[in-house]
Amino acid sequence: MHNILAWLKARLELIVPLLAVPTFFAMVELTQGEVKAWQTVLVYGLALVYIGVVVWSPMGLPAKAVLPVDREITRKVILTVTAVVLAGAASLVILSLAAADSGEGKTRLPYFVLSLLLIIFLGSGGVIAERGLTIDLFPELRQHVPRRIVYALVAAFFLAMLTFFWSNLFSGVIDSIGQAAGETAGDAEAAASSFNVDKPLVLLVQLLVGAGLFEELLFRMGIMTIVWRITRRWGWGLLVSALLFGIYHITPLSGISTFSASSPLTTVLTSFTMGIIMGLIFRYRGLLAAVLVHGLGDWVVIMLLGNSG
């Protein structure tokens, strides 16, 4: 009996696809969307793959020894993070050129540059701080186990749906707090339609880089890991990073301050909730999972809302 309970405890993640699949179809129905037959087959097929991987071998973060940090390691980390961030920034610029407004681009440029500098600085600090932890937040890079990469790719969709499900449990309370503070409810559909939903693959890449890679590198890999390393308590890193993540979304750095201007408190609380959820995914599944869940989750929600009605 003890062995059976231990086996089940190690595979509690099986609840994720069981909740995520109905959540996805409920989202489609709420936004008056339509799911084609092949898409339904794909969702259920991925769920079976996900369940199979978890049953075969649960994917918790492995332990690792504390790694040394010296001048050469620091130099390599800074150069690597800088190269990744600049490559991501170049891809965003190239993908956005066709639809960009020159006046808005000039206004946004200083914030864009400042964001890149913060990501490079704090992201590099987070990667260095991670070396002092006893769990591996980069298992796909360090271990080169194919099933970990398959798991990260497949699980991202279902974790994103579960994230949406969990955040919506708090949405009513958050909206009530905002209304009590005299805020007007934001138009989610209008905000979603401001994205380029007519080119879903382009939008997916933009969100994987801009929201997924950049924000996770800044807030989870950077701020959360640095605070975690300093305090020796990952919970403090989770709270600090989530709070700053919430505040970030009402600043020009986020790029959505136009939509959050009428409801700053609601935006901060909503983003704080999402920051907690993304921090938990980062803590228990690592950076790659957090990047994929963040970018893919934003993409699914924007595509559904942007094409609703």
Protein backbone atom coordinates (compact mmCIF):
# COMPACT_ATOMS: atom_id res chain seq x y z
CA MET A 1 0.00 0.00 0.00
CA HIS A 2 2.83 2.39 0.89
CA ASN A 3 4.47 1.75 -2.49
CA ILE A 4 1.22 2.48 -4.32
CA LEU A 5 0.74 5.77 -2.45
CA ALA A 6 4.35 6.78 -3.14
CA TRP A 7 3.87 5.96 -6.85
CA LEU A 8 0.70 8.07 -7.02
CA LYS A 9 2.26 10.96 -5.08
CA ALA A 10 5.15 11.12 -7.54
CA ARG A 11 2.61 11.37 -10.37
CA LEU A 12 0.16 13.93 -8.99
CA GLU A 13 0.91 15.94 -12.11
CA LEU A 14 -1.53 13.66 -13.94
CA ILE A 15 -4.24 15.99 -12.67
CA VAL A 16 -2.92 18.73 -14.98
CA PRO A 17 -4.19 17.30 -18.30
CA LEU A 18 -7.41 16.13 -16.63
CA LEU A 19 -8.18 19.75 -15.67
CA ALA A 20 -6.51 21.45 -18.64
CA VAL A 21 -8.39 19.69 -21.46
CA PRO A 22 -11.90 20.73 -20.29
CA THR A 23 -10.53 24.20 -19.46
CA PHE A 24 -9.35 24.64 -23.05
CA PHE A 25 -12.70 23.66 -24.55
CA ALA A 26 -14.52 25.85 -22.01
CA MET A 27 -12.34 28.79 -23.11
CA VAL A 28 -13.24 28.12 -26.73
CA GLU A 29 -16.94 28.05 -25.89
CA LEU A 30 -16.79 31.22 -23.79
CA THR A 31 -15.10 33.14 -26.61
CA GLN A 32 -17.52 31.66 -29.18
CA GLY A 33 -14.63 30.09 -31.01
CA GLU A 34 -14.58 26.92 -33.05
CA VAL A 35 -12.28 23.92 -32.76
CA LYS A 36 -11.75 21.84 -35.88
CA ALA A 37 -11.78 18.04 -35.74
CA TRP A 38 -8.02 17.77 -36.26
CA GLN A 39 -7.41 20.24 -33.45
CA THR A 40 -9.53 18.16 -31.09
CA VAL A 41 -7.60 15.04 -32.05
CA LEU A 42 -4.33 16.95 -31.53
CA VAL A 43 -5.30 18.13 -28.04
CA TYR A 44 -6.32 14.66 -26.90
CA GLY A 45 -3.26 13.12 -28.57
CA LEU A 46 -0.91 15.49 -26.78
CA ALA A 47 -2.73 14.78 -23.52
CA LEU A 48 -2.09 11.05 -23.98
CA VAL A 49 1.61 11.70 -24.68
CA TYR A 50 1.79 13.92 -21.59
CA ILE A 51 0.12 11.28 -19.43
CA GLY A 52 2.40 8.60 -20.83
CA VAL A 53 5.58 10.54 -20.05
CA VAL A 54 4.47 11.35 -16.49
CA VAL A 55 3.41 7.74 -15.80
CA TRP A 56 6.69 6.41 -17.20
CA SER A 57 9.03 8.90 -15.52
CA PRO A 58 7.94 11.93 -13.44
CA MET A 59 9.82 15.07 -14.44
CA GLY A 60 10.70 16.84 -11.21
CA LEU A 61 13.80 19.02 -11.14
CA PRO A 62 16.92 16.96 -10.42
CA ALA A 63 19.39 17.77 -7.66
CA LYS A 64 22.85 19.06 -8.51
CA ALA A 65 26.02 20.00 -6.71
CA VAL A 66 26.78 23.66 -6.02
CA LEU A 67 28.85 24.86 -8.99
CA PRO A 68 31.84 27.20 -8.74
CA VAL A 69 31.72 30.82 -9.90
CA ASP A 70 34.85 32.63 -11.05
CA ARG A 71 35.74 35.49 -13.34
CA GLU A 72 35.78 33.30 -16.46
CA ILE A 73 32.38 31.76 -15.67
CA THR A 74 30.94 35.23 -15.04
CA ARG A 75 32.30 36.48 -18.36
CA LYS A 76 30.84 33.52 -20.27
CA VAL A 77 27.45 33.90 -18.59
CA ILE A 78 27.23 37.62 -19.38
CA LEU A 79 28.28 37.07 -23.00
CA THR A 80 25.81 34.20 -23.45
CA VAL A 81 22.86 36.04 -21.90
CA THR A 82 23.69 39.18 -23.89
CA ALA A 83 23.84 37.20 -27.14
CA VAL A 84 20.50 35.49 -26.42
CA VAL A 85 18.77 38.75 -25.49
CA LEU A 86 20.12 40.67 -28.50
CA ALA A 87 19.17 37.82 -30.85
CA GLY A 88 15.67 37.83 -29.37
CA ALA A 89 15.43 41.61 -29.68
CA ALA A 90 16.53 41.43 -33.33
CA SER A 91 13.85 38.83 -34.07
CA LEU A 92 11.18 41.00 -32.44
CA VAL A 93 12.24 44.04 -34.44
CA ILE A 94 12.26 42.12 -37.72
CA LEU A 95 8.83 40.57 -37.08
CA SER A 96 7.35 43.92 -36.03
CA LEU A 97 8.70 46.11 -38.82
CA ALA A 98 5.78 45.62 -41.20
CA ALA A 99 3.13 46.60 -38.63
CA ALA A 100 5.13 49.08 -36.54
CA ASP A 101 4.11 52.72 -36.33
CA SER A 102 7.17 54.96 -36.62
CA GLY A 103 5.96 57.52 -34.08
CA GLU A 104 5.10 54.89 -31.50
CA GLY A 105 8.37 53.10 -32.21
CA LYS A 106 10.38 56.22 -31.41
CA THR A 107 8.42 56.69 -28.19
CA ARG A 108 8.96 53.07 -27.16
CA LEU A 109 12.64 52.87 -28.12
CA PRO A 110 14.12 54.16 -24.81
CA TYR A 111 11.93 51.75 -22.81
CA PHE A 112 12.86 48.89 -25.13
CA VAL A 113 16.56 49.56 -24.68
CA LEU A 114 16.16 49.92 -20.89
CA SER A 115 14.27 46.62 -20.79
CA LEU A 116 17.05 44.86 -22.67
CA LEU A 117 19.68 46.24 -20.29
CA LEU A 118 17.67 45.10 -17.25
CA ILE A 119 17.17 41.64 -18.75
CA ILE A 120 20.88 41.27 -19.51
CA PHE A 121 21.98 42.52 -16.09
CA LEU A 122 19.46 40.66 -13.92
CA GLY A 123 19.31 37.61 -16.19
CA SER A 124 23.08 37.19 -15.99
CA GLY A 125 22.95 37.64 -12.21
CA GLY A 126 20.23 34.98 -11.98
CA VAL A 127 22.16 32.44 -14.05
CA ILE A 128 25.20 32.96 -11.82
CA ALA A 129 23.06 32.74 -8.66
CA GLU A 130 21.54 29.47 -9.92
CA ARG A 131 24.96 27.86 -9.74
CA GLY A 132 24.80 28.21 -5.97
CA LEU A 133 21.50 26.29 -5.71
CA THR A 134 21.24 22.56 -5.16
CA ILE A 135 18.51 22.02 -7.78
CA ASP A 136 18.97 22.21 -11.53
CA LEU A 137 16.86 24.91 -13.19
CA PHE A 138 18.36 24.05 -16.62
CA PRO A 139 17.84 20.25 -16.76
CA GLU A 140 17.25 20.19 -20.53
CA LEU A 141 20.58 21.92 -21.18
CA ARG A 142 22.70 20.11 -18.61
CA GLN A 143 21.36 16.57 -18.84
CA HIS A 144 20.57 16.22 -22.58
CA VAL A 145 17.76 13.73 -21.88
CA PRO A 146 15.42 13.68 -24.95
CA ARG A 147 12.30 12.86 -22.95
CA ARG A 148 12.79 16.02 -20.86
CA ILE A 149 12.60 18.15 -24.02
CA VAL A 150 9.53 16.23 -25.22
CA TYR A 151 7.97 16.68 -21.81
CA ALA A 152 8.66 20.43 -21.73
CA LEU A 153 7.15 20.94 -25.19
CA VAL A 154 4.04 18.82 -24.63
CA ALA A 155 3.37 19.84 -21.03
CA ALA A 156 3.60 23.56 -21.84
CA PHE A 157 0.17 23.68 -23.47
CA PHE A 158 -1.59 21.93 -20.59
CA LEU A 159 0.26 23.85 -17.90
CA ALA A 160 -0.71 27.06 -19.72
CA MET A 161 -4.37 26.03 -19.62
CA LEU A 162 -4.10 25.13 -15.94
CA THR A 163 -2.51 28.52 -15.32
CA PHE A 164 -5.48 30.19 -17.01
CA PHE A 165 -7.88 28.05 -14.95
CA TRP A 166 -6.11 28.87 -11.67
CA SER A 167 -5.82 32.60 -12.36
CA ASN A 168 -9.52 32.79 -13.17
CA LEU A 169 -10.35 31.47 -9.71
CA PHE A 170 -9.10 34.82 -8.39
CA SER A 171 -10.42 37.04 -11.18
CA GLY A 172 -13.78 37.73 -9.52
CA VAL A 173 -12.14 38.84 -6.26
CA ILE A 174 -9.59 40.97 -8.12
CA ASP A 175 -12.30 42.64 -10.23
CA SER A 176 -14.30 43.41 -7.09
CA ILE A 177 -11.27 45.04 -5.47
CA GLY A 178 -10.69 47.12 -8.60
CA GLN A 179 -14.31 48.24 -8.75
CA ALA A 180 -14.25 49.16 -5.06
CA ALA A 181 -11.23 51.35 -5.84
CA GLY A 182 -13.22 53.11 -8.57
CA GLU A 183 -11.51 51.46 -11.53
CA THR A 184 -13.25 50.69 -14.80
CA ALA A 185 -13.04 47.20 -16.17
CA GLY A 186 -10.58 46.79 -19.03
CA ASP A 187 -11.72 45.52 -22.41
CA ALA A 188 -9.84 42.23 -22.76
CA GLU A 189 -11.09 41.65 -26.29
CA ALA A 190 -9.95 45.11 -27.42
CA ALA A 191 -6.54 44.53 -25.87
CA ALA A 192 -6.23 41.13 -27.56
CA SER A 193 -7.29 42.51 -30.94
CA SER A 194 -4.40 45.00 -30.81
CA PHE A 195 -2.08 42.05 -31.41
CA ASN A 196 -1.48 40.62 -34.85
CA VAL A 197 -3.91 37.70 -34.59
CA ASP A 198 -4.09 37.45 -38.40
CA LYS A 199 -0.57 35.99 -38.37
CA PRO A 200 -0.70 33.41 -35.57
CA LEU A 201 2.76 31.91 -36.12
CA VAL A 202 4.40 35.35 -36.12
CA LEU A 203 2.47 36.24 -32.97
CA LEU A 204 3.51 32.97 -31.32
CA VAL A 205 7.20 33.71 -31.93
CA GLN A 206 6.78 37.28 -30.67
CA LEU A 207 5.13 36.09 -27.45
CA LEU A 208 7.58 33.25 -26.87
CA VAL A 209 10.43 35.76 -27.10
CA GLY A 210 8.93 38.96 -25.69
CA ALA A 211 6.69 37.52 -22.96
CA GLY A 212 8.17 34.06 -22.48
CA LEU A 213 11.93 34.39 -22.79
CA PHE A 214 12.41 38.04 -21.81
CA GLU A 215 10.00 38.23 -18.87
CA GLU A 216 10.99 34.84 -17.45
CA LEU A 217 14.68 35.69 -17.81
CA LEU A 218 14.08 39.00 -16.02
CA PHE A 219 11.64 38.05 -13.27
CA ARG A 220 12.07 34.34 -12.58
CA MET A 221 15.64 33.55 -13.67
CA GLY A 222 16.77 37.01 -12.61
CA ILE A 223 14.94 38.52 -9.66
CA MET A 224 13.44 35.34 -8.16
CA THR A 225 16.68 33.34 -8.32
CA ILE A 226 18.84 36.17 -6.98
CA VAL A 227 16.53 36.76 -4.00
CA TRP A 228 16.29 32.98 -3.50
CA ARG A 229 20.08 32.68 -3.42
CA ILE A 230 20.54 35.64 -1.05
CA THR A 231 17.80 34.70 1.43
CA ARG A 232 18.15 30.90 1.05
CA ARG A 233 14.34 30.83 0.81
CA TRP A 234 12.74 30.34 -2.60
CA GLY A 235 9.41 31.61 -1.23
CA TRP A 236 10.87 35.09 -0.72
CA GLY A 237 12.11 35.09 -4.28
CA LEU A 238 8.65 34.02 -5.45
CA LEU A 239 6.88 36.86 -3.62
CA VAL A 240 9.35 39.61 -4.56
CA SER A 241 9.44 38.62 -8.23
CA ALA A 242 5.65 38.30 -8.43
CA LEU A 243 5.14 41.73 -6.83
CA LEU A 244 7.60 43.39 -9.22
CA PHE A 245 6.03 41.47 -12.11
CA GLY A 246 2.68 43.00 -11.18
CA ILE A 247 4.06 46.54 -10.93
CA TYR A 248 5.97 46.09 -14.20
CA HIS A 249 2.72 45.66 -16.12
CA ILE A 250 1.55 49.20 -15.37
CA THR A 251 4.83 50.78 -16.50
CA PRO A 252 5.81 51.72 -20.08
CA LEU A 253 8.41 48.93 -19.95
CA SER A 254 5.69 46.31 -20.40
CA GLY A 255 4.22 47.79 -23.58
CA ILE A 256 0.62 47.41 -22.30
CA SER A 257 0.43 50.45 -20.03
CA THR A 258 -2.08 52.02 -22.44
CA PHE A 259 -4.57 49.26 -21.64
CA SER A 260 -3.77 49.15 -17.91
CA ALA A 261 -4.09 52.93 -17.37
CA SER A 262 -7.79 52.74 -16.47
CA SER A 263 -7.33 49.84 -14.05
CA PRO A 264 -3.82 49.86 -12.55
CA LEU A 265 -4.73 48.11 -9.30
CA THR A 266 -6.57 45.33 -11.13
CA THR A 267 -3.63 44.94 -13.51
CA VAL A 268 -1.10 44.71 -10.68
CA LEU A 269 -3.16 42.14 -8.75
CA THR A 270 -3.86 40.06 -11.85
CA SER A 271 -0.22 40.09 -12.90
CA PHE A 272 0.87 39.34 -9.32
CA THR A 273 -1.33 36.23 -9.38
CA MET A 274 0.18 35.17 -12.68
CA GLY A 275 3.64 35.89 -11.30
CA ILE A 276 2.99 33.49 -8.41
CA ILE A 277 1.85 30.77 -10.80
CA MET A 278 4.77 31.25 -13.19
CA GLY A 279 7.16 31.29 -10.25
CA LEU A 280 5.83 27.92 -9.08
CA ILE A 281 6.27 26.46 -12.56
CA PHE A 282 9.81 27.84 -12.67
CA ARG A 283 10.59 26.46 -9.19
CA TYR A 284 9.37 22.94 -9.94
CA ARG A 285 9.94 22.61 -13.69
CA GLY A 286 12.77 24.99 -14.59
CA LEU A 287 13.33 27.89 -16.97
CA LEU A 288 12.41 26.22 -20.27
CA ALA A 289 9.02 25.12 -18.94
CA ALA A 290 8.33 28.64 -17.61
CA VAL A 291 9.25 30.26 -20.95
CA LEU A 292 7.06 27.88 -22.96
CA VAL A 293 4.08 28.07 -20.59
CA HIS A 294 4.21 31.86 -20.44
CA GLY A 295 4.53 32.45 -24.18
CA LEU A 296 2.13 29.72 -25.28
CA GLY A 297 -0.43 30.62 -22.62
CA ASP A 298 -0.50 34.27 -23.70
CA TRP A 299 -0.77 33.18 -27.34
CA VAL A 300 -3.77 30.86 -26.78
CA VAL A 301 -5.67 33.48 -24.77
CA ILE A 302 -4.94 36.30 -27.25
CA MET A 303 -5.88 34.15 -30.24
CA LEU A 304 -9.20 33.13 -28.64
CA LEU A 305 -10.10 36.65 -27.48
CA GLY A 306 -8.85 38.33 -30.64
CA ASN A 307 -10.97 36.07 -32.84
CA SER A 308 -14.05 36.00 -30.57
CA GLY A 309 -17.37 37.24 -31.73
